[in-house]
């Protein structure tokens, strides 16, 4: 038996570690997206920070975030379609 062969337990541990790393990468990507649209929408909608948001600023922020999410989903779906067409 080669020293590089993994037993079933080690393979399961490696698989679980890969799954946990993938989850952490997804969390990091999500946090980066939130940070990005926070920056973009803040710059677009907030003229001067106050103690609370006025209705115009709140509406602008909601619309900005919704557009950002819609755009991200559209781009993601388009890339998925391209990848799927390329593999068939």
PDB file of N, CA and C in Angstrom:
ATOM      1  N   UNK A   1       0.842  -1.186   0.000  1.00  0.00           N
ATOM      2  CA  UNK A   1       0.000   0.000   0.000  1.00  0.00           C
ATOM      3  C   UNK A   1       0.885   1.246   0.000  1.00  0.00           C
ATOM      4  N   UNK A   2       0.543   2.192  -0.796  1.00  0.00           N
ATOM      5  CA  UNK A   2       1.312   3.427  -0.931  1.00  0.00           C
ATOM      6  C   UNK A   2       1.010   4.358   0.241  1.00  0.00           C
ATOM      7  N   UNK A   3       1.988   5.151   0.664  1.00  0.00           N
ATOM      8  CA  UNK A   3       1.785   6.055   1.796  1.00  0.00           C
ATOM      9  C   UNK A   3       0.813   7.189   1.455  1.00  0.00           C
ATOM     10  N   UNK A   4       0.528   7.384   0.166  1.00  0.00           N
ATOM     11  CA  UNK A   4      -0.389   8.452  -0.235  1.00  0.00           C
ATOM     12  C   UNK A   4      -1.835   7.981  -0.298  1.00  0.00           C
ATOM     13  N   UNK A   5      -2.081   6.693  -0.149  1.00  0.00           N
ATOM     14  CA  UNK A   5      -3.434   6.174  -0.138  1.00  0.00           C
ATOM     15  C   UNK A   5      -4.125   6.615   1.148  1.00  0.00           C
ATOM     16  N   UNK A   6      -5.346   7.072   0.998  1.00  0.00           N
ATOM     17  CA  UNK A   6      -6.115   7.493   2.159  1.00  0.00           C
ATOM     18  C   UNK A   6      -7.138   6.421   2.490  1.00  0.00           C
ATOM     19  N   UNK A   7      -7.340   6.170   3.771  1.00  0.00           N
ATOM     20  CA  UNK A   7      -8.391   5.233   4.135  1.00  0.00           C
ATOM     21  C   UNK A   7      -9.739   5.955   4.065  1.00  0.00           C
ATOM     22  N   UNK A   8     -10.813   5.224   4.234  1.00  0.00           N
ATOM     23  CA  UNK A   8     -12.159   5.792   4.081  1.00  0.00           C
ATOM     24  C   UNK A   8     -12.398   6.939   5.057  1.00  0.00           C
ATOM     25  N   UNK A   9     -11.907   6.809   6.272  1.00  0.00           N
ATOM     26  CA  UNK A   9     -12.091   7.850   7.275  1.00  0.00           C
ATOM     27  C   UNK A   9     -11.373   9.138   6.873  1.00  0.00           C
ATOM     28  N   UNK A  10     -10.156   9.007   6.380  1.00  0.00           N
ATOM     29  CA  UNK A  10      -9.392  10.184   5.951  1.00  0.00           C
ATOM     30  C   UNK A  10     -10.039  10.836   4.745  1.00  0.00           C
ATOM     31  N   UNK A  11     -10.565  10.003   3.827  1.00  0.00           N
ATOM     32  CA  UNK A  11     -11.257  10.553   2.656  1.00  0.00           C
ATOM     33  C   UNK A  11     -12.501  11.313   3.084  1.00  0.00           C
ATOM     34  N   UNK A  12     -13.242  10.778   4.045  1.00  0.00           N
ATOM     35  CA  UNK A  12     -14.447  11.451   4.541  1.00  0.00           C
ATOM     36  C   UNK A  12     -14.072  12.780   5.199  1.00  0.00           C
ATOM     37  N   UNK A  13     -12.987  12.785   5.974  1.00  0.00           N
ATOM     38  CA  UNK A  13     -12.536  14.018   6.620  1.00  0.00           C
ATOM     39  C   UNK A  13     -12.109  15.046   5.580  1.00  0.00           C
ATOM     40  N   UNK A  14     -11.401  14.603   4.551  1.00  0.00           N
ATOM     41  CA  UNK A  14     -10.959  15.521   3.493  1.00  0.00           C
ATOM     42  C   UNK A  14     -12.161  16.086   2.755  1.00  0.00           C
ATOM     43  N   UNK A  15     -13.146  15.243   2.497  1.00  0.00           N
ATOM     44  CA  UNK A  15     -14.360  15.688   1.806  1.00  0.00           C
ATOM     45  C   UNK A  15     -15.115  16.708   2.650  1.00  0.00           C
ATOM     46  N   UNK A  16     -15.224  16.451   3.942  1.00  0.00           N
ATOM     47  CA  UNK A  16     -15.901  17.379   4.852  1.00  0.00           C
ATOM     48  C   UNK A  16     -15.143  18.697   4.924  1.00  0.00           C
ATOM     49  N   UNK A  17     -13.828  18.645   4.952  1.00  0.00           N
ATOM     50  CA  UNK A  17     -13.020  19.862   4.979  1.00  0.00           C
ATOM     51  C   UNK A  17     -13.234  20.679   3.710  1.00  0.00           C
ATOM     52  N   UNK A  18     -13.271  20.014   2.555  1.00  0.00           N
ATOM     53  CA  UNK A  18     -13.519  20.712   1.288  1.00  0.00           C
ATOM     54  C   UNK A  18     -14.901  21.363   1.294  1.00  0.00           C
ATOM     55  N   UNK A  19     -15.890  20.659   1.850  1.00  0.00           N
ATOM     56  CA  UNK A  19     -17.252  21.207   1.918  1.00  0.00           C
ATOM     57  C   UNK A  19     -17.269  22.448   2.811  1.00  0.00           C
ATOM     58  N   UNK A  20     -16.586  22.376   3.953  1.00  0.00           N
ATOM     59  CA  UNK A  20     -16.547  23.515   4.868  1.00  0.00           C
ATOM     60  C   UNK A  20     -15.817  24.702   4.238  1.00  0.00           C
ATOM     61  N   UNK A  21     -14.752  24.441   3.503  1.00  0.00           N
ATOM     62  CA  UNK A  21     -14.026  25.515   2.816  1.00  0.00           C
ATOM     63  C   UNK A  21     -14.928  26.169   1.772  1.00  0.00           C
ATOM     64  N   UNK A  22     -15.677  25.362   1.019  1.00  0.00           N
ATOM     65  CA  UNK A  22     -16.586  25.899   0.003  1.00  0.00           C
ATOM     66  C   UNK A  22     -17.650  26.778   0.651  1.00  0.00           C
ATOM     67  N   UNK A  23     -18.177  26.355   1.796  1.00  0.00           N
ATOM     68  CA  UNK A  23     -19.178  27.162   2.503  1.00  0.00           C
ATOM     69  C   UNK A  23     -18.573  28.487   2.944  1.00  0.00           C
ATOM     70  N   UNK A  24     -17.371  28.459   3.489  1.00  0.00           N
ATOM     71  CA  UNK A  24     -16.715  29.688   3.927  1.00  0.00           C
ATOM     72  C   UNK A  24     -16.424  30.616   2.749  1.00  0.00           C
ATOM     73  N   UNK A  25     -16.069  30.044   1.585  1.00  0.00           N
ATOM     74  CA  UNK A  25     -15.838  30.856   0.395  1.00  0.00           C
ATOM     75  C   UNK A  25     -17.134  31.524  -0.048  1.00  0.00           C
ATOM     76  N   UNK A  26     -18.244  30.793   0.024  1.00  0.00           N
ATOM     77  CA  UNK A  26     -19.541  31.370  -0.337  1.00  0.00           C
ATOM     78  C   UNK A  26     -19.912  32.503   0.614  1.00  0.00           C
ATOM     79  N   UNK A  27     -19.649  32.311   1.903  1.00  0.00           N
ATOM     80  CA  UNK A  27     -19.926  33.365   2.877  1.00  0.00           C
ATOM     81  C   UNK A  27     -19.095  34.607   2.560  1.00  0.00           C
ATOM     82  N   UNK A  28     -17.817  34.402   2.251  1.00  0.00           N
ATOM     83  CA  UNK A  28     -16.935  35.527   1.938  1.00  0.00           C
ATOM     84  C   UNK A  28     -17.402  36.261   0.689  1.00  0.00           C
ATOM     85  N   UNK A  29     -17.841  35.508  -0.328  1.00  0.00           N
ATOM     86  CA  UNK A  29     -18.355  36.136  -1.549  1.00  0.00           C
ATOM     87  C   UNK A  29     -19.607  36.948  -1.244  1.00  0.00           C
ATOM     88  N   UNK A  30     -20.497  36.389  -0.436  1.00  0.00           N
ATOM     89  CA  UNK A  30     -21.724  37.096  -0.074  1.00  0.00           C
ATOM     90  C   UNK A  30     -21.389  38.387   0.672  1.00  0.00           C
ATOM     91  N   UNK A  31     -20.474  38.305   1.641  1.00  0.00           N
ATOM     92  CA  UNK A  31     -20.088  39.494   2.394  1.00  0.00           C
ATOM     93  C   UNK A  31     -19.446  40.542   1.491  1.00  0.00           C
ATOM     94  N   UNK A  32     -18.659  40.103   0.519  1.00  0.00           N
ATOM     95  CA  UNK A  32     -18.048  41.040  -0.426  1.00  0.00           C
ATOM     96  C   UNK A  32     -19.125  41.724  -1.274  1.00  0.00           C
ATOM     97  N   UNK A  33     -20.145  40.963  -1.691  1.00  0.00           N
ATOM     98  CA  UNK A  33     -21.246  41.545  -2.461  1.00  0.00           C
ATOM     99  C   UNK A  33     -21.993  42.583  -1.625  1.00  0.00           C
ATOM    100  N   UNK A  34     -22.287  42.240  -0.373  1.00  0.00           N
ATOM    101  CA  UNK A  34     -22.992  43.182   0.508  1.00  0.00           C
ATOM    102  C   UNK A  34     -22.160  44.449   0.681  1.00  0.00           C
ATOM    103  N   UNK A  35     -20.871  44.286   0.901  1.00  0.00           N
ATOM    104  CA  UNK A  35     -19.985  45.446   1.056  1.00  0.00           C
ATOM    105  C   UNK A  35     -19.991  46.297  -0.215  1.00  0.00           C
ATOM    106  N   UNK A  36     -19.948  45.640  -1.370  1.00  0.00           N
ATOM    107  CA  UNK A  36     -19.927  46.349  -2.645  1.00  0.00           C
ATOM    108  C   UNK A  36     -21.202  47.155  -2.848  1.00  0.00           C
ATOM    109  N   UNK A  37     -22.382  46.501  -2.687  1.00  0.00           N
ATOM    110  CA  UNK A  37     -23.584  47.291  -2.942  1.00  0.00           C
ATOM    111  C   UNK A  37     -23.858  48.297  -1.845  1.00  0.00           C
ATOM    112  N   UNK A  38     -23.329  48.091  -0.655  1.00  0.00           N
ATOM    113  CA  UNK A  38     -23.437  49.115   0.384  1.00  0.00           C
ATOM    114  C   UNK A  38     -22.673  50.364  -0.050  1.00  0.00           C
ATOM    115  N   UNK A  39     -21.461  50.172  -0.541  1.00  0.00           N
ATOM    116  CA  UNK A  39     -20.660  51.311  -1.010  1.00  0.00           C
ATOM    117  C   UNK A  39     -21.336  52.033  -2.170  1.00  0.00           C
ATOM    118  N   UNK A  40     -21.752  51.263  -3.181  1.00  0.00           N
ATOM    119  CA  UNK A  40     -22.354  51.852  -4.378  1.00  0.00           C
ATOM    120  C   UNK A  40     -23.628  52.605  -4.021  1.00  0.00           C
ATOM    121  N   UNK A  41     -24.506  51.951  -3.280  1.00  0.00           N
ATOM    122  CA  UNK A  41     -25.799  52.566  -2.969  1.00  0.00           C
ATOM    123  C   UNK A  41     -25.667  53.728  -1.989  1.00  0.00           C
ATOM    124  N   UNK A  42     -24.723  53.640  -1.067  1.00  0.00           N
ATOM    125  CA  UNK A  42     -24.492  54.766  -0.145  1.00  0.00           C
ATOM    126  C   UNK A  42     -24.060  55.989  -0.941  1.00  0.00           C
ATOM    127  N   UNK A  43     -23.082  55.806  -1.834  1.00  0.00           N
ATOM    128  CA  UNK A  43     -22.592  56.933  -2.631  1.00  0.00           C
ATOM    129  C   UNK A  43     -23.691  57.511  -3.511  1.00  0.00           C
ATOM    130  N   UNK A  44     -24.566  56.663  -4.023  1.00  0.00           N
ATOM    131  CA  UNK A  44     -25.621  57.116  -4.923  1.00  0.00           C
ATOM    132  C   UNK A  44     -26.765  57.818  -4.183  1.00  0.00           C
ATOM    133  N   UNK A  45     -27.108  57.323  -2.994  1.00  0.00           N
ATOM    134  CA  UNK A  45     -28.356  57.747  -2.358  1.00  0.00           C
ATOM    135  C   UNK A  45     -28.214  58.690  -1.163  1.00  0.00           C
ATOM    136  N   UNK A  46     -27.112  58.640  -0.464  1.00  0.00           N
ATOM    137  CA  UNK A  46     -27.001  59.406   0.775  1.00  0.00           C
ATOM    138  C   UNK A  46     -26.190  60.675   0.525  1.00  0.00           C
ATOM    139  N   UNK A  47     -26.889  61.819   0.619  1.00  0.00           N
ATOM    140  CA  UNK A  47     -26.219  63.101   0.422  1.00  0.00           C
ATOM    141  C   UNK A  47     -25.394  63.464   1.654  1.00  0.00           C
ATOM    142  N   UNK A  48     -26.070  63.493   2.787  1.00  0.00           N
ATOM    143  CA  UNK A  48     -25.369  63.769   4.041  1.00  0.00           C
ATOM    144  C   UNK A  48     -26.022  62.927   5.134  1.00  0.00           C
ATOM    145  N   UNK A  49     -25.221  62.152   5.823  1.00  0.00           N
ATOM    146  CA  UNK A  49     -25.784  61.278   6.863  1.00  0.00           C
ATOM    147  C   UNK A  49     -26.426  62.080   7.984  1.00  0.00           C
ATOM    148  N   UNK A  50     -27.542  61.594   8.446  1.00  0.00           N
ATOM    149  CA  UNK A  50     -28.228  62.224   9.574  1.00  0.00           C
ATOM    150  C   UNK A  50     -28.546  61.171  10.617  1.00  0.00           C
ATOM    151  N   UNK A  51     -29.371  61.547  11.566  1.00  0.00           N
ATOM    152  CA  UNK A  51     -29.704  60.613  12.641  1.00  0.00           C
ATOM    153  C   UNK A  51     -30.685  59.535  12.177  1.00  0.00           C
ATOM    154  N   UNK A  52     -31.416  59.810  11.080  1.00  0.00           N
ATOM    155  CA  UNK A  52     -32.298  58.799  10.504  1.00  0.00           C
ATOM    156  C   UNK A  52     -32.476  59.082   9.020  1.00  0.00           C
ATOM    157  N   UNK A  53     -32.950  58.055   8.289  1.00  0.00           N
ATOM    158  CA  UNK A  53     -33.125  58.194   6.841  1.00  0.00           C
ATOM    159  C   UNK A  53     -34.445  58.873   6.526  1.00  0.00           C
ATOM    160  N   UNK A  54     -34.417  59.811   5.580  1.00  0.00           N
ATOM    161  CA  UNK A  54     -35.692  60.354   5.102  1.00  0.00           C
ATOM    162  C   UNK A  54     -36.274  59.376   4.082  1.00  0.00           C
ATOM    163  N   UNK A  55     -37.512  59.577   3.719  1.00  0.00           N
ATOM    164  CA  UNK A  55     -38.198  58.611   2.852  1.00  0.00           C
ATOM    165  C   UNK A  55     -37.562  58.542   1.462  1.00  0.00           C
ATOM    166  N   UNK A  56     -37.065  59.673   0.952  1.00  0.00           N
ATOM    167  CA  UNK A  56     -36.426  59.660  -0.364  1.00  0.00           C
ATOM    168  C   UNK A  56     -35.156  58.819  -0.340  1.00  0.00           C
ATOM    169  N   UNK A  57     -34.353  59.002   0.685  1.00  0.00           N
ATOM    170  CA  UNK A  57     -33.107  58.242   0.799  1.00  0.00           C
ATOM    171  C   UNK A  57     -33.400  56.759   0.988  1.00  0.00           C
ATOM    172  N   UNK A  58     -34.375  56.444   1.821  1.00  0.00           N
ATOM    173  CA  UNK A  58     -34.737  55.045   2.054  1.00  0.00           C
ATOM    174  C   UNK A  58     -35.228  54.388   0.767  1.00  0.00           C
ATOM    175  N   UNK A  59     -36.074  55.078   0.016  1.00  0.00           N
ATOM    176  CA  UNK A  59     -36.584  54.555  -1.256  1.00  0.00           C
ATOM    177  C   UNK A  59     -35.441  54.350  -2.243  1.00  0.00           C
ATOM    178  N   UNK A  60     -34.537  55.318  -2.301  1.00  0.00           N
ATOM    179  CA  UNK A  60     -33.384  55.215  -3.190  1.00  0.00           C
ATOM    180  C   UNK A  60     -32.522  54.007  -2.828  1.00  0.00           C
ATOM    181  N   UNK A  61     -32.257  53.808  -1.535  1.00  0.00           N
ATOM    182  CA  UNK A  61     -31.435  52.680  -1.098  1.00  0.00           C
ATOM    183  C   UNK A  61     -32.087  51.346  -1.438  1.00  0.00           C
ATOM    184  N   UNK A  62     -33.386  51.237  -1.185  1.00  0.00           N
ATOM    185  CA  UNK A  62     -34.103  49.991  -1.490  1.00  0.00           C
ATOM    186  C   UNK A  62     -34.044  49.717  -2.990  1.00  0.00           C
ATOM    187  N   UNK A  63     -34.322  50.722  -3.801  1.00  0.00           N
ATOM    188  CA  UNK A  63     -34.293  50.546  -5.261  1.00  0.00           C
ATOM    189  C   UNK A  63     -32.893  50.189  -5.742  1.00  0.00           C
ATOM    190  N   UNK A  64     -31.895  50.848  -5.198  1.00  0.00           N
ATOM    191  CA  UNK A  64     -30.513  50.599  -5.596  1.00  0.00           C
ATOM    192  C   UNK A  64     -30.116  49.155  -5.292  1.00  0.00           C
ATOM    193  N   UNK A  65     -30.409  48.695  -4.086  1.00  0.00           N
ATOM    194  CA  UNK A  65     -30.063  47.329  -3.701  1.00  0.00           C
ATOM    195  C   UNK A  65     -30.817  46.326  -4.569  1.00  0.00           C
ATOM    196  N   UNK A  66     -32.100  46.581  -4.809  1.00  0.00           N
ATOM    197  CA  UNK A  66     -32.883  45.670  -5.649  1.00  0.00           C
ATOM    198  C   UNK A  66     -32.324  45.604  -7.065  1.00  0.00           C
ATOM    199  N   UNK A  67     -31.947  46.734  -7.638  1.00  0.00           N
ATOM    200  CA  UNK A  67     -31.344  46.741  -8.980  1.00  0.00           C
ATOM    201  C   UNK A  67     -30.017  45.997  -8.973  1.00  0.00           C
ATOM    202  N   UNK A  68     -29.230  46.205  -7.932  1.00  0.00           N
ATOM    203  CA  UNK A  68     -27.935  45.540  -7.817  1.00  0.00           C
ATOM    204  C   UNK A  68     -28.126  44.028  -7.761  1.00  0.00           C
ATOM    205  N   UNK A  69     -29.072  43.567  -6.951  1.00  0.00           N
ATOM    206  CA  UNK A  69     -29.348  42.130  -6.834  1.00  0.00           C
ATOM    207  C   UNK A  69     -29.881  41.583  -8.150  1.00  0.00           C
ATOM    208  N   UNK A  70     -30.826  42.286  -8.767  1.00  0.00           N
ATOM    209  CA  UNK A  70     -31.377  41.840 -10.055  1.00  0.00           C
ATOM    210  C   UNK A  70     -30.276  41.723 -11.109  1.00  0.00           C
ATOM    211  N   UNK A  71     -29.403  42.700 -11.165  1.00  0.00           N
ATOM    212  CA  UNK A  71     -28.308  42.681 -12.138  1.00  0.00           C
ATOM    213  C   UNK A  71     -27.364  41.516 -11.873  1.00  0.00           C
ATOM    214  N   UNK A  72     -27.023  41.302 -10.611  1.00  0.00           N
ATOM    215  CA  UNK A  72     -26.137  40.199 -10.247  1.00  0.00           C
ATOM    216  C   UNK A  72     -26.760  38.860 -10.634  1.00  0.00           C
ATOM    217  N   UNK A  73     -28.050  38.682 -10.349  1.00  0.00           N
ATOM    218  CA  UNK A  73     -28.738  37.438 -10.714  1.00  0.00           C
ATOM    219  C   UNK A  73     -28.790  37.255 -12.229  1.00  0.00           C
ATOM    220  N   UNK A  74     -29.051  38.311 -12.974  1.00  0.00           N
ATOM    221  CA  UNK A  74     -29.097  38.233 -14.429  1.00  0.00           C
ATOM    222  C   UNK A  74     -27.745  37.811 -14.989  1.00  0.00           C
ATOM    223  N   UNK A  75     -26.689  38.423 -14.496  1.00  0.00           N
ATOM    224  CA  UNK A  75     -25.344  38.079 -14.968  1.00  0.00           C
ATOM    225  C   UNK A  75     -25.003  36.635 -14.600  1.00  0.00           C
ATOM    226  N   UNK A  76     -25.318  36.240 -13.375  1.00  0.00           N
ATOM    227  CA  UNK A  76     -25.049  34.868 -12.938  1.00  0.00           C
ATOM    228  C   UNK A  76     -25.810  33.865 -13.803  1.00  0.00           C
ATOM    229  N   UNK A  77     -27.085  34.135 -14.060  1.00  0.00           N
ATOM    230  CA  UNK A  77     -27.890  33.241 -14.899  1.00  0.00           C
ATOM    231  C   UNK A  77     -27.339  33.167 -16.318  1.00  0.00           C
ATOM    232  N   UNK A  78     -26.896  34.293 -16.839  1.00  0.00           N
ATOM    233  CA  UNK A  78     -26.335  34.317 -18.192  1.00  0.00           C
ATOM    234  C   UNK A  78     -25.051  33.490 -18.262  1.00  0.00           C
ATOM    235  N   UNK A  79     -24.176  33.631 -17.286  1.00  0.00           N
ATOM    236  CA  UNK A  79     -22.954  32.827 -17.257  1.00  0.00           C
ATOM    237  C   UNK A  79     -23.281  31.344 -17.137  1.00  0.00           C
ATOM    238  N   UNK A  80     -24.295  31.016 -16.344  1.00  0.00           N
ATOM    239  CA  UNK A  80     -24.712  29.620 -16.200  1.00  0.00           C
ATOM    240  C   UNK A  80     -25.174  29.069 -17.542  1.00  0.00           C
ATOM    241  N   UNK A  81     -25.954  29.862 -18.280  1.00  0.00           N
ATOM    242  CA  UNK A  81     -26.419  29.428 -19.605  1.00  0.00           C
ATOM    243  C   UNK A  81     -25.240  29.208 -20.550  1.00  0.00           C
ATOM    244  N   UNK A  82     -24.286  30.109 -20.535  1.00  0.00           N
ATOM    245  CA  UNK A  82     -23.110  29.994 -21.393  1.00  0.00           C
ATOM    246  C   UNK A  82     -22.327  28.741 -21.062  1.00  0.00           C
ATOM    247  N   UNK A  83     -22.117  28.473 -19.770  1.00  0.00           N
ATOM    248  CA  UNK A  83     -21.381  27.291 -19.350  1.00  0.00           C
ATOM    249  C   UNK A  83     -22.131  26.029 -19.755  1.00  0.00           C
ATOM    250  N   UNK A  84     -23.438  26.021 -19.560  1.00  0.00           N
ATOM    251  CA  UNK A  84     -24.239  24.838 -19.915  1.00  0.00           C
ATOM    252  C   UNK A  84     -24.208  24.582 -21.421  1.00  0.00           C
ATOM    253  N   UNK A  85     -24.271  25.627 -22.210  1.00  0.00           N
ATOM    254  CA  UNK A  85     -24.196  25.451 -23.676  1.00  0.00           C
ATOM    255  C   UNK A  85     -22.826  24.949 -24.083  1.00  0.00           C
ATOM    256  N   UNK A  86     -21.786  25.370 -23.372  1.00  0.00           N
ATOM    257  CA  UNK A  86     -20.435  24.953 -23.707  1.00  0.00           C
ATOM    258  C   UNK A  86     -20.139  23.510 -23.348  1.00  0.00           C
ATOM    259  N   UNK A  87     -20.910  22.946 -22.421  1.00  0.00           N
ATOM    260  CA  UNK A  87     -20.654  21.566 -22.005  1.00  0.00           C
ATOM    261  C   UNK A  87     -21.536  20.563 -22.724  1.00  0.00           C
ATOM    262  N   UNK A  88     -22.468  21.027 -23.521  1.00  0.00           N
ATOM    263  CA  UNK A  88     -23.353  20.099 -24.231  1.00  0.00           C
ATOM    264  C   UNK A  88     -22.908  19.902 -25.655  1.00  0.00           C
TER     265      UNK A  88
END
